[in-house]
Structure formats: structure tokens, C-alpha cells
């Protein structure tokens, strides 16, 4: 039996938030560990970036880094889980774009 569409959506939402946060670290030339823990990654971002305060708890989204890829003993995600994960990931991306622009990077939201 293959993975469900909500499972893929949850996993990809986590990945998009992770890549957005790591883009900030790359822009700031800050080394980061090869981790999927979004709170740990966010905490490496300098304090003057608004996204740190805007997203104080990314643990629910972090959950999908593993549960989305390795379904074994986790319950199957629902459509509501997928919607929530996608909404949180989009909010992180929007915050990253706004902060990049505020820090003189000519990013454009899509």
C-alpha cells in the first residue's frame, strides 16, 4: 500500500519550511547541522529576524519530517493535518521572504 496524499503533503510542507529557514542561514553565512528539527534550525537565525518571534513553535511541522516519510507506527495523516502543515509552512515561507527583503535581499514572494 502506497503513502497517502495527505502524508506527502505533510512531508513536503515540512521540507519547504526547512529549506526556507536554511536559506536564511546560508544568506547569513551561518553553518547549520544536518537536522530536520525546525525549532533548532530557527534558533540559529539571528535575533533581529522577525520570523523567530513569529514562529516560536515549529514542533508540529517538524513531526512530519519523519512521520511523513516513515509511516510505520504513526497514524495516517488526515486532510486537516495536511492543510494545517501546508498553512504553517506557507506562513514560515512568507516570514522568510519578508525578513530577507528587510535585510536587503531582493526576494520576491510567489
PDB file of N, CA and C in Angstrom:
ATOM      1  N   UNK A   1       0.837  -1.173   0.000  1.00  0.00           N
ATOM      2  CA  UNK A   1       0.000   0.000   0.000  1.00  0.00           C
ATOM      3  C   UNK A   1       0.889   1.244   0.000  1.00  0.00           C
ATOM      4  N   UNK A   2       0.609   2.199  -0.878  1.00  0.00           N
ATOM      5  CA  UNK A   2       1.413   3.406  -1.002  1.00  0.00           C
ATOM      6  C   UNK A   2       1.027   4.462   0.025  1.00  0.00           C
ATOM      7  N   UNK A   3       1.853   5.473   0.108  1.00  0.00           N
ATOM      8  CA  UNK A   3       1.580   6.585   1.028  1.00  0.00           C
ATOM      9  C   UNK A   3       0.418   7.414   0.511  1.00  0.00           C
ATOM     10  N   UNK A   4      -0.269   8.027   1.424  1.00  0.00           N
ATOM     11  CA  UNK A   4      -1.426   8.835   1.076  1.00  0.00           C
ATOM     12  C   UNK A   4      -1.013  10.237   0.636  1.00  0.00           C
ATOM     13  N   UNK A   5      -1.907  10.893  -0.065  1.00  0.00           N
ATOM     14  CA  UNK A   5      -1.662  12.275  -0.481  1.00  0.00           C
ATOM     15  C   UNK A   5      -1.470  13.174   0.744  1.00  0.00           C
ATOM     16  N   UNK A   6      -2.285  13.062   1.809  1.00  0.00           N
ATOM     17  CA  UNK A   6      -2.012  13.899   2.988  1.00  0.00           C
ATOM     18  C   UNK A   6      -0.613  13.666   3.565  1.00  0.00           C
ATOM     19  N   UNK A   7      -0.153  12.430   3.557  1.00  0.00           N
ATOM     20  CA  UNK A   7       1.196  12.138   4.057  1.00  0.00           C
ATOM     21  C   UNK A   7       2.249  12.875   3.234  1.00  0.00           C
ATOM     22  N   UNK A   8       2.136  12.807   1.904  1.00  0.00           N
ATOM     23  CA  UNK A   8       3.077  13.529   1.038  1.00  0.00           C
ATOM     24  C   UNK A   8       3.003  15.031   1.296  1.00  0.00           C
ATOM     25  N   UNK A   9       1.792  15.555   1.417  1.00  0.00           N
ATOM     26  CA  UNK A   9       1.617  16.994   1.643  1.00  0.00           C
ATOM     27  C   UNK A   9       2.266  17.418   2.957  1.00  0.00           C
ATOM     28  N   UNK A  10       2.082  16.644   4.011  1.00  0.00           N
ATOM     29  CA  UNK A  10       2.675  16.964   5.315  1.00  0.00           C
ATOM     30  C   UNK A  10       4.194  16.942   5.236  1.00  0.00           C
ATOM     31  N   UNK A  11       4.738  15.915   4.621  1.00  0.00           N
ATOM     32  CA  UNK A  11       6.191  15.800   4.484  1.00  0.00           C
ATOM     33  C   UNK A  11       6.751  16.961   3.665  1.00  0.00           C
ATOM     34  N   UNK A  12       6.131  17.265   2.543  1.00  0.00           N
ATOM     35  CA  UNK A  12       6.635  18.331   1.678  1.00  0.00           C
ATOM     36  C   UNK A  12       6.469  19.709   2.328  1.00  0.00           C
ATOM     37  N   UNK A  13       5.450  19.879   3.135  1.00  0.00           N
ATOM     38  CA  UNK A  13       5.295  21.136   3.875  1.00  0.00           C
ATOM     39  C   UNK A  13       6.463  21.314   4.843  1.00  0.00           C
ATOM     40  N   UNK A  14       6.808  20.255   5.557  1.00  0.00           N
ATOM     41  CA  UNK A  14       7.942  20.329   6.486  1.00  0.00           C
ATOM     42  C   UNK A  14       9.221  20.658   5.723  1.00  0.00           C
ATOM     43  N   UNK A  15       9.412  19.997   4.594  1.00  0.00           N
ATOM     44  CA  UNK A  15      10.611  20.222   3.810  1.00  0.00           C
ATOM     45  C   UNK A  15      10.703  21.655   3.293  1.00  0.00           C
ATOM     46  N   UNK A  16       9.577  22.220   2.872  1.00  0.00           N
ATOM     47  CA  UNK A  16       9.619  23.591   2.359  1.00  0.00           C
ATOM     48  C   UNK A  16       9.971  24.580   3.467  1.00  0.00           C
ATOM     49  N   UNK A  17       9.426  24.378   4.662  1.00  0.00           N
ATOM     50  CA  UNK A  17       9.773  25.246   5.780  1.00  0.00           C
ATOM     51  C   UNK A  17      11.248  25.084   6.148  1.00  0.00           C
ATOM     52  N   UNK A  18      11.717  23.853   6.148  1.00  0.00           N
ATOM     53  CA  UNK A  18      13.130  23.591   6.470  1.00  0.00           C
ATOM     54  C   UNK A  18      14.047  24.280   5.476  1.00  0.00           C
ATOM     55  N   UNK A  19      13.752  24.161   4.196  1.00  0.00           N
ATOM     56  CA  UNK A  19      14.605  24.775   3.176  1.00  0.00           C
ATOM     57  C   UNK A  19      14.558  26.295   3.262  1.00  0.00           C
ATOM     58  N   UNK A  20      13.391  26.860   3.579  1.00  0.00           N
ATOM     59  CA  UNK A  20      13.278  28.315   3.718  1.00  0.00           C
ATOM     60  C   UNK A  20      14.136  28.810   4.880  1.00  0.00           C
ATOM     61  N   UNK A  21      14.049  28.124   6.031  1.00  0.00           N
ATOM     62  CA  UNK A  21      14.854  28.520   7.184  1.00  0.00           C
ATOM     63  C   UNK A  21      16.347  28.372   6.892  1.00  0.00           C
ATOM     64  N   UNK A  22      16.714  27.307   6.227  1.00  0.00           N
ATOM     65  CA  UNK A  22      18.132  27.100   5.903  1.00  0.00           C
ATOM     66  C   UNK A  22      18.618  28.126   4.885  1.00  0.00           C
ATOM     67  N   UNK A  23      17.740  28.645   4.040  1.00  0.00           N
ATOM     68  CA  UNK A  23      18.120  29.704   3.103  1.00  0.00           C
ATOM     69  C   UNK A  23      18.563  30.951   3.866  1.00  0.00           C
ATOM     70  N   UNK A  24      17.878  31.251   4.973  1.00  0.00           N
ATOM     71  CA  UNK A  24      18.272  32.390   5.807  1.00  0.00           C
ATOM     72  C   UNK A  24      19.675  32.158   6.354  1.00  0.00           C
ATOM     73  N   UNK A  25      19.918  30.957   6.843  1.00  0.00           N
ATOM     74  CA  UNK A  25      21.233  30.642   7.404  1.00  0.00           C
ATOM     75  C   UNK A  25      22.321  30.729   6.344  1.00  0.00           C
ATOM     76  N   UNK A  26      22.030  30.274   5.157  1.00  0.00           N
ATOM     77  CA  UNK A  26      23.006  30.375   4.065  1.00  0.00           C
ATOM     78  C   UNK A  26      23.255  31.843   3.732  1.00  0.00           C
ATOM     79  N   UNK A  27      22.197  32.634   3.644  1.00  0.00           N
ATOM     80  CA  UNK A  27      22.323  34.066   3.370  1.00  0.00           C
ATOM     81  C   UNK A  27      23.175  34.749   4.438  1.00  0.00           C
ATOM     82  N   UNK A  28      22.998  34.342   5.689  1.00  0.00           N
ATOM     83  CA  UNK A  28      23.746  34.918   6.803  1.00  0.00           C
ATOM     84  C   UNK A  28      25.109  34.253   7.012  1.00  0.00           C
ATOM     85  N   UNK A  29      25.416  33.276   6.185  1.00  0.00           N
ATOM     86  CA  UNK A  29      26.669  32.522   6.265  1.00  0.00           C
ATOM     87  C   UNK A  29      26.852  31.874   7.642  1.00  0.00           C
ATOM     88  N   UNK A  30      25.767  31.264   8.101  1.00  0.00           N
ATOM     89  CA  UNK A  30      25.767  30.557   9.384  1.00  0.00           C
ATOM     90  C   UNK A  30      25.711  29.063   9.095  1.00  0.00           C
ATOM     91  N   UNK A  31      26.674  28.338   9.620  1.00  0.00           N
ATOM     92  CA  UNK A  31      26.667  26.892   9.435  1.00  0.00           C
ATOM     93  C   UNK A  31      25.535  26.281  10.241  1.00  0.00           C
ATOM     94  N   UNK A  32      24.997  25.201   9.730  1.00  0.00           N
ATOM     95  CA  UNK A  32      23.892  24.537  10.414  1.00  0.00           C
ATOM     96  C   UNK A  32      24.082  23.027  10.345  1.00  0.00           C
ATOM     97  N   UNK A  33      23.540  22.322  11.330  1.00  0.00           N
ATOM     98  CA  UNK A  33      23.651  20.862  11.326  1.00  0.00           C
ATOM     99  C   UNK A  33      22.679  20.264  10.317  1.00  0.00           C
ATOM    100  N   UNK A  34      22.956  19.067   9.912  1.00  0.00           N
ATOM    101  CA  UNK A  34      22.050  18.349   9.015  1.00  0.00           C
ATOM    102  C   UNK A  34      20.956  17.730   9.880  1.00  0.00           C
ATOM    103  N   UNK A  35      19.996  18.561  10.215  1.00  0.00           N
ATOM    104  CA  UNK A  35      18.888  18.222  11.098  1.00  0.00           C
ATOM    105  C   UNK A  35      17.585  18.588  10.421  1.00  0.00           C
ATOM    106  N   UNK A  36      16.512  17.959  10.864  1.00  0.00           N
ATOM    107  CA  UNK A  36      15.180  18.305  10.374  1.00  0.00           C
ATOM    108  C   UNK A  36      14.371  19.034  11.438  1.00  0.00           C
ATOM    109  N   UNK A  37      14.967  19.266  12.601  1.00  0.00           N
ATOM    110  CA  UNK A  37      14.284  19.926  13.710  1.00  0.00           C
ATOM    111  C   UNK A  37      14.180  21.427  13.414  1.00  0.00           C
ATOM    112  N   UNK A  38      12.980  21.865  13.064  1.00  0.00           N
ATOM    113  CA  UNK A  38      12.785  23.246  12.637  1.00  0.00           C
ATOM    114  C   UNK A  38      13.015  24.249  13.764  1.00  0.00           C
ATOM    115  N   UNK A  39      12.709  23.881  14.995  1.00  0.00           N
ATOM    116  CA  UNK A  39      12.976  24.792  16.115  1.00  0.00           C
ATOM    117  C   UNK A  39      14.476  24.989  16.293  1.00  0.00           C
ATOM    118  N   UNK A  40      15.236  23.935  16.195  1.00  0.00           N
ATOM    119  CA  UNK A  40      16.691  24.020  16.306  1.00  0.00           C
ATOM    120  C   UNK A  40      17.252  24.893  15.182  1.00  0.00           C
ATOM    121  N   UNK A  41      16.770  24.693  13.963  1.00  0.00           N
ATOM    122  CA  UNK A  41      17.236  25.477  12.819  1.00  0.00           C
ATOM    123  C   UNK A  41      16.858  26.950  13.005  1.00  0.00           C
ATOM    124  N   UNK A  42      15.592  27.206  13.390  1.00  0.00           N
ATOM    125  CA  UNK A  42      15.132  28.581  13.599  1.00  0.00           C
ATOM    126  C   UNK A  42      15.968  29.279  14.669  1.00  0.00           C
ATOM    127  N   UNK A  43      16.344  28.554  15.709  1.00  0.00           N
ATOM    128  CA  UNK A  43      17.099  29.154  16.805  1.00  0.00           C
ATOM    129  C   UNK A  43      18.497  29.609  16.385  1.00  0.00           C
ATOM    130  N   UNK A  44      18.998  29.135  15.264  1.00  0.00           N
ATOM    131  CA  UNK A  44      20.307  29.568  14.768  1.00  0.00           C
ATOM    132  C   UNK A  44      20.235  30.905  14.040  1.00  0.00           C
ATOM    133  N   UNK A  45      19.039  31.330  13.689  1.00  0.00           N
ATOM    134  CA  UNK A  45      18.847  32.583  12.962  1.00  0.00           C
ATOM    135  C   UNK A  45      19.049  33.745  13.935  1.00  0.00           C
ATOM    136  N   UNK A  46      19.715  34.825  13.496  1.00  0.00           N
ATOM    137  CA  UNK A  46      19.959  35.965  14.387  1.00  0.00           C
ATOM    138  C   UNK A  46      18.670  36.533  14.980  1.00  0.00           C
ATOM    139  N   UNK A  47      18.794  37.114  16.170  1.00  0.00           N
ATOM    140  CA  UNK A  47      17.646  37.604  16.933  1.00  0.00           C
ATOM    141  C   UNK A  47      16.885  38.729  16.232  1.00  0.00           C
ATOM    142  N   UNK A  48      17.530  39.468  15.343  1.00  0.00           N
ATOM    143  CA  UNK A  48      16.849  40.596  14.713  1.00  0.00           C
ATOM    144  C   UNK A  48      15.973  40.187  13.519  1.00  0.00           C
ATOM    145  N   UNK A  49      15.806  38.912  13.306  1.00  0.00           N
ATOM    146  CA  UNK A  49      14.917  38.434  12.240  1.00  0.00           C
ATOM    147  C   UNK A  49      13.540  38.183  12.853  1.00  0.00           C
ATOM    148  N   UNK A  50      12.530  38.849  12.332  1.00  0.00           N
ATOM    149  CA  UNK A  50      11.172  38.789  12.888  1.00  0.00           C
ATOM    150  C   UNK A  50      10.590  37.376  12.871  1.00  0.00           C
ATOM    151  N   UNK A  51      11.020  36.555  11.947  1.00  0.00           N
ATOM    152  CA  UNK A  51      10.448  35.209  11.847  1.00  0.00           C
ATOM    153  C   UNK A  51      10.689  34.384  13.096  1.00  0.00           C
ATOM    154  N   UNK A  52      11.718  34.707  13.864  1.00  0.00           N
ATOM    155  CA  UNK A  52      11.965  33.968  15.106  1.00  0.00           C
ATOM    156  C   UNK A  52      10.812  34.139  16.081  1.00  0.00           C
ATOM    157  N   UNK A  53      10.341  35.374  16.244  1.00  0.00           N
ATOM    158  CA  UNK A  53       9.227  35.633  17.157  1.00  0.00           C
ATOM    159  C   UNK A  53       7.899  35.190  16.550  1.00  0.00           C
ATOM    160  N   UNK A  54       7.791  35.265  15.241  1.00  0.00           N
ATOM    161  CA  UNK A  54       6.536  34.918  14.563  1.00  0.00           C
ATOM    162  C   UNK A  54       6.258  33.416  14.587  1.00  0.00           C
ATOM    163  N   UNK A  55       7.290  32.617  14.761  1.00  0.00           N
ATOM    164  CA  UNK A  55       7.143  31.156  14.722  1.00  0.00           C
ATOM    165  C   UNK A  55       7.869  30.520  15.904  1.00  0.00           C
ATOM    166  N   UNK A  56       7.328  30.714  17.117  1.00  0.00           N
ATOM    167  CA  UNK A  56       8.023  30.216  18.309  1.00  0.00           C
ATOM    168  C   UNK A  56       7.969  28.702  18.502  1.00  0.00           C
ATOM    169  N   UNK A  57       7.057  28.029  17.823  1.00  0.00           N
ATOM    170  CA  UNK A  57       6.935  26.575  17.989  1.00  0.00           C
ATOM    171  C   UNK A  57       6.649  25.916  16.649  1.00  0.00           C
ATOM    172  N   UNK A  58       7.661  25.264  16.118  1.00  0.00           N
ATOM    173  CA  UNK A  58       7.529  24.569  14.836  1.00  0.00           C
ATOM    174  C   UNK A  58       7.554  23.054  15.011  1.00  0.00           C
ATOM    175  N   UNK A  59       7.317  22.595  16.236  1.00  0.00           N
ATOM    176  CA  UNK A  59       7.418  21.160  16.513  1.00  0.00           C
ATOM    177  C   UNK A  59       6.378  20.336  15.754  1.00  0.00           C
ATOM    178  N   UNK A  60       5.177  20.853  15.589  1.00  0.00           N
ATOM    179  CA  UNK A  60       4.151  20.098  14.861  1.00  0.00           C
ATOM    180  C   UNK A  60       4.576  19.871  13.409  1.00  0.00           C
ATOM    181  N   UNK A  61       5.181  20.877  12.817  1.00  0.00           N
ATOM    182  CA  UNK A  61       5.650  20.738  11.444  1.00  0.00           C
ATOM    183  C   UNK A  61       6.884  19.843  11.381  1.00  0.00           C
ATOM    184  N   UNK A  62       7.755  19.953  12.367  1.00  0.00           N
ATOM    185  CA  UNK A  62       8.944  19.100  12.436  1.00  0.00           C
ATOM    186  C   UNK A  62       8.555  17.624  12.453  1.00  0.00           C
ATOM    187  N   UNK A  63       7.464  17.303  13.123  1.00  0.00           N
ATOM    188  CA  UNK A  63       6.977  15.925  13.229  1.00  0.00           C
ATOM    189  C   UNK A  63       6.896  15.235  11.867  1.00  0.00           C
ATOM    190  N   UNK A  64       6.519  15.980  10.845  1.00  0.00           N
ATOM    191  CA  UNK A  64       6.300  15.372   9.527  1.00  0.00           C
ATOM    192  C   UNK A  64       7.586  15.040   8.787  1.00  0.00           C
ATOM    193  N   UNK A  65       8.729  15.483   9.282  1.00  0.00           N
ATOM    194  CA  UNK A  65       9.998  15.132   8.640  1.00  0.00           C
ATOM    195  C   UNK A  65      10.215  13.626   8.671  1.00  0.00           C
ATOM    196  N   UNK A  66       9.805  13.008   9.760  1.00  0.00           N
ATOM    197  CA  UNK A  66       9.963  11.558   9.908  1.00  0.00           C
ATOM    198  C   UNK A  66       8.649  10.846   9.649  1.00  0.00           C
ATOM    199  N   UNK A  67       7.593  11.308  10.289  1.00  0.00           N
ATOM    200  CA  UNK A  67       6.294  10.628  10.162  1.00  0.00           C
ATOM    201  C   UNK A  67       5.785  10.649   8.723  1.00  0.00           C
ATOM    202  N   UNK A  68       6.169  11.667   7.973  1.00  0.00           N
ATOM    203  CA  UNK A  68       5.731  11.743   6.581  1.00  0.00           C
ATOM    204  C   UNK A  68       6.453  10.771   5.664  1.00  0.00           C
ATOM    205  N   UNK A  69       7.680  10.441   6.009  1.00  0.00           N
ATOM    206  CA  UNK A  69       8.458   9.521   5.169  1.00  0.00           C
ATOM    207  C   UNK A  69       8.415   8.083   5.639  1.00  0.00           C
ATOM    208  N   UNK A  70       8.309   7.881   6.936  1.00  0.00           N
ATOM    209  CA  UNK A  70       8.383   6.541   7.504  1.00  0.00           C
ATOM    210  C   UNK A  70       7.111   6.257   8.295  1.00  0.00           C
ATOM    211  N   UNK A  71       6.059   5.837   7.631  1.00  0.00           N
ATOM    212  CA  UNK A  71       4.746   5.751   8.251  1.00  0.00           C
ATOM    213  C   UNK A  71       4.559   4.680   9.322  1.00  0.00           C
ATOM    214  N   UNK A  72       5.440   3.760   9.449  1.00  0.00           N
ATOM    215  CA  UNK A  72       5.308   2.571  10.291  1.00  0.00           C
ATOM    216  C   UNK A  72       4.282   2.649  11.420  1.00  0.00           C
ATOM    217  N   UNK A  73       4.600   3.279  12.526  1.00  0.00           N
ATOM    218  CA  UNK A  73       3.717   3.238  13.687  1.00  0.00           C
ATOM    219  C   UNK A  73       2.986   4.553  13.964  1.00  0.00           C
ATOM    220  N   UNK A  74       3.060   5.507  13.053  1.00  0.00           N
ATOM    221  CA  UNK A  74       2.328   6.758  13.228  1.00  0.00           C
ATOM    222  C   UNK A  74       0.964   6.649  12.561  1.00  0.00           C
ATOM    223  N   UNK A  75      -0.015   7.321  13.131  1.00  0.00           N
ATOM    224  CA  UNK A  75      -1.342   7.303  12.485  1.00  0.00           C
ATOM    225  C   UNK A  75      -1.280   8.008  11.131  1.00  0.00           C
ATOM    226  N   UNK A  76      -2.142   7.579  10.260  1.00  0.00           N
ATOM    227  CA  UNK A  76      -2.206   8.172   8.924  1.00  0.00           C
ATOM    228  C   UNK A  76      -2.658   9.637   9.041  1.00  0.00           C
ATOM    229  N   UNK A  77      -1.934  10.570   8.409  1.00  0.00           N
ATOM    230  CA  UNK A  77      -2.352  11.970   8.468  1.00  0.00           C
ATOM    231  C   UNK A  77      -3.691  12.177   7.767  1.00  0.00           C
ATOM    232  N   UNK A  78      -4.422  13.137   8.247  1.00  0.00           N
ATOM    233  CA  UNK A  78      -5.712  13.469   7.661  1.00  0.00           C
ATOM    234  C   UNK A  78      -5.557  14.657   6.714  1.00  0.00           C
ATOM    235  N   UNK A  79      -6.618  14.937   5.998  1.00  0.00           N
ATOM    236  CA  UNK A  79      -6.642  16.138   5.144  1.00  0.00           C
ATOM    237  C   UNK A  79      -6.434  17.381   6.022  1.00  0.00           C
ATOM    238  N   UNK A  80      -7.029  17.391   7.207  1.00  0.00           N
ATOM    239  CA  UNK A  80      -6.867  18.524   8.116  1.00  0.00           C
ATOM    240  C   UNK A  80      -5.407  18.683   8.543  1.00  0.00           C
ATOM    241  N   UNK A  81      -4.727  17.556   8.805  1.00  0.00           N
ATOM    242  CA  UNK A  81      -3.294  17.609   9.124  1.00  0.00           C
ATOM    243  C   UNK A  81      -2.515  18.236   7.977  1.00  0.00           C
ATOM    244  N   UNK A  82      -2.836  17.813   6.774  1.00  0.00           N
ATOM    245  CA  UNK A  82      -2.133  18.330   5.592  1.00  0.00           C
ATOM    246  C   UNK A  82      -2.392  19.821   5.416  1.00  0.00           C
ATOM    247  N   UNK A  83      -3.632  20.229   5.585  1.00  0.00           N
ATOM    248  CA  UNK A  83      -3.951  21.661   5.461  1.00  0.00           C
ATOM    249  C   UNK A  83      -3.210  22.483   6.509  1.00  0.00           C
ATOM    250  N   UNK A  84      -3.184  21.990   7.738  1.00  0.00           N
ATOM    251  CA  UNK A  84      -2.501  22.713   8.816  1.00  0.00           C
ATOM    252  C   UNK A  84      -0.999  22.793   8.541  1.00  0.00           C
ATOM    253  N   UNK A  85      -0.406  21.692   8.113  1.00  0.00           N
ATOM    254  CA  UNK A  85       1.027  21.681   7.818  1.00  0.00           C
ATOM    255  C   UNK A  85       1.355  22.630   6.671  1.00  0.00           C
ATOM    256  N   UNK A  86       0.543  22.605   5.632  1.00  0.00           N
ATOM    257  CA  UNK A  86       0.774  23.490   4.484  1.00  0.00           C
ATOM    258  C   UNK A  86       0.596  24.954   4.873  1.00  0.00           C
ATOM    259  N   UNK A  87      -0.387  25.253   5.706  1.00  0.00           N
ATOM    260  CA  UNK A  87      -0.605  26.634   6.144  1.00  0.00           C
ATOM    261  C   UNK A  87       0.568  27.128   6.988  1.00  0.00           C
ATOM    262  N   UNK A  88       1.063  26.272   7.880  1.00  0.00           N
ATOM    263  CA  UNK A  88       2.192  26.682   8.712  1.00  0.00           C
ATOM    264  C   UNK A  88       3.452  26.856   7.872  1.00  0.00           C
ATOM    265  N   UNK A  89       3.672  25.951   6.933  1.00  0.00           N
ATOM    266  CA  UNK A  89       4.838  26.069   6.059  1.00  0.00           C
ATOM    267  C   UNK A  89       4.762  27.346   5.229  1.00  0.00           C
ATOM    268  N   UNK A  90       3.580  27.669   4.720  1.00  0.00           N
ATOM    269  CA  UNK A  90       3.421  28.900   3.927  1.00  0.00           C
ATOM    270  C   UNK A  90       3.689  30.128   4.791  1.00  0.00           C
ATOM    271  N   UNK A  91       3.248  30.101   6.040  1.00  0.00           N
ATOM    272  CA  UNK A  91       3.494  31.225   6.944  1.00  0.00           C
ATOM    273  C   UNK A  91       4.993  31.396   7.208  1.00  0.00           C
ATOM    274  N   UNK A  92       5.699  30.281   7.366  1.00  0.00           N
ATOM    275  CA  UNK A  92       7.153  30.346   7.549  1.00  0.00           C
ATOM    276  C   UNK A  92       7.796  30.925   6.292  1.00  0.00           C
ATOM    277  N   UNK A  93       7.413  30.444   5.135  1.00  0.00           N
ATOM    278  CA  UNK A  93       7.976  30.952   3.885  1.00  0.00           C
ATOM    279  C   UNK A  93       7.704  32.445   3.733  1.00  0.00           C
ATOM    280  N   UNK A  94       6.486  32.872   3.997  1.00  0.00           N
ATOM    281  CA  UNK A  94       6.152  34.297   3.893  1.00  0.00           C
ATOM    282  C   UNK A  94       7.006  35.127   4.848  1.00  0.00           C
ATOM    283  N   UNK A  95       7.223  34.618   6.062  1.00  0.00           N
ATOM    284  CA  UNK A  95       8.070  35.322   7.034  1.00  0.00           C
ATOM    285  C   UNK A  95       9.515  35.397   6.557  1.00  0.00           C
ATOM    286  N   UNK A  96      10.005  34.311   5.993  1.00  0.00           N
ATOM    287  CA  UNK A  96      11.379  34.292   5.480  1.00  0.00           C
ATOM    288  C   UNK A  96      11.525  35.310   4.353  1.00  0.00           C
ATOM    289  N   UNK A  97      10.589  35.334   3.431  1.00  0.00           N
ATOM    290  CA  UNK A  97      10.659  36.286   2.314  1.00  0.00           C
ATOM    291  C   UNK A  97      10.638  37.716   2.839  1.00  0.00           C
ATOM    292  N   UNK A  98       9.738  38.008   3.774  1.00  0.00           N
ATOM    293  CA  UNK A  98       9.654  39.362   4.337  1.00  0.00           C
ATOM    294  C   UNK A  98      10.953  39.747   5.037  1.00  0.00           C
ATOM    295  N   UNK A  99      11.515  38.824   5.811  1.00  0.00           N
ATOM    296  CA  UNK A  99      12.763  39.113   6.507  1.00  0.00           C
ATOM    297  C   UNK A  99      13.929  39.263   5.542  1.00  0.00           C
ATOM    298  N   UNK A 100      13.978  38.436   4.521  1.00  0.00           N
ATOM    299  CA  UNK A 100      15.050  38.578   3.528  1.00  0.00           C
ATOM    300  C   UNK A 100      14.983  39.948   2.879  1.00  0.00           C
ATOM    301  N   UNK A 101      13.786  40.388   2.521  1.00  0.00           N
ATOM    302  CA  UNK A 101      13.633  41.709   1.922  1.00  0.00           C
ATOM    303  C   UNK A 101      14.038  42.797   2.915  1.00  0.00           C
ATOM    304  N   UNK A 102      13.674  42.642   4.174  1.00  0.00           N
ATOM    305  CA  UNK A 102      14.042  43.614   5.202  1.00  0.00           C
ATOM    306  C   UNK A 102      15.556  43.659   5.433  1.00  0.00           C
ATOM    307  N   UNK A 103      16.230  42.580   5.093  1.00  0.00           N
ATOM    308  CA  UNK A 103      17.687  42.504   5.245  1.00  0.00           C
ATOM    309  C   UNK A 103      18.396  42.674   3.902  1.00  0.00           C
ATOM    310  N   UNK A 104      17.760  43.410   2.994  1.00  0.00           N
ATOM    311  CA  UNK A 104      18.330  43.831   1.711  1.00  0.00           C
ATOM    312  C   UNK A 104      18.528  42.733   0.683  1.00  0.00           C
ATOM    313  N   UNK A 105      17.856  41.627   0.832  1.00  0.00           N
ATOM    314  CA  UNK A 105      17.882  40.589  -0.206  1.00  0.00           C
ATOM    315  C   UNK A 105      16.664  40.825  -1.093  1.00  0.00           C
ATOM    316  N   UNK A 106      16.868  40.913  -2.392  1.00  0.00           N
ATOM    317  CA  UNK A 106      15.752  41.238  -3.293  1.00  0.00           C
ATOM    318  C   UNK A 106      14.869  40.024  -3.602  1.00  0.00           C
ATOM    319  N   UNK A 107      14.329  39.397  -2.564  1.00  0.00           N
ATOM    320  CA  UNK A 107      13.462  38.232  -2.755  1.00  0.00           C
ATOM    321  C   UNK A 107      12.069  38.673  -3.178  1.00  0.00           C
ATOM    322  N   UNK A 108      11.400  37.814  -3.918  1.00  0.00           N
ATOM    323  CA  UNK A 108      10.031  38.086  -4.313  1.00  0.00           C
ATOM    324  C   UNK A 108       9.173  36.889  -3.918  1.00  0.00           C
ATOM    325  N   UNK A 109       8.047  37.165  -3.293  1.00  0.00           N
ATOM    326  CA  UNK A 109       7.111  36.091  -2.932  1.00  0.00           C
ATOM    327  C   UNK A 109       6.431  35.563  -4.173  1.00  0.00           C
ATOM    328  N   UNK A 110       6.162  34.277  -4.149  1.00  0.00           N
ATOM    329  CA  UNK A 110       5.447  33.686  -5.293  1.00  0.00           C
ATOM    330  C   UNK A 110       4.133  33.127  -4.854  1.00  0.00           C
TER     331      UNK A 110
END
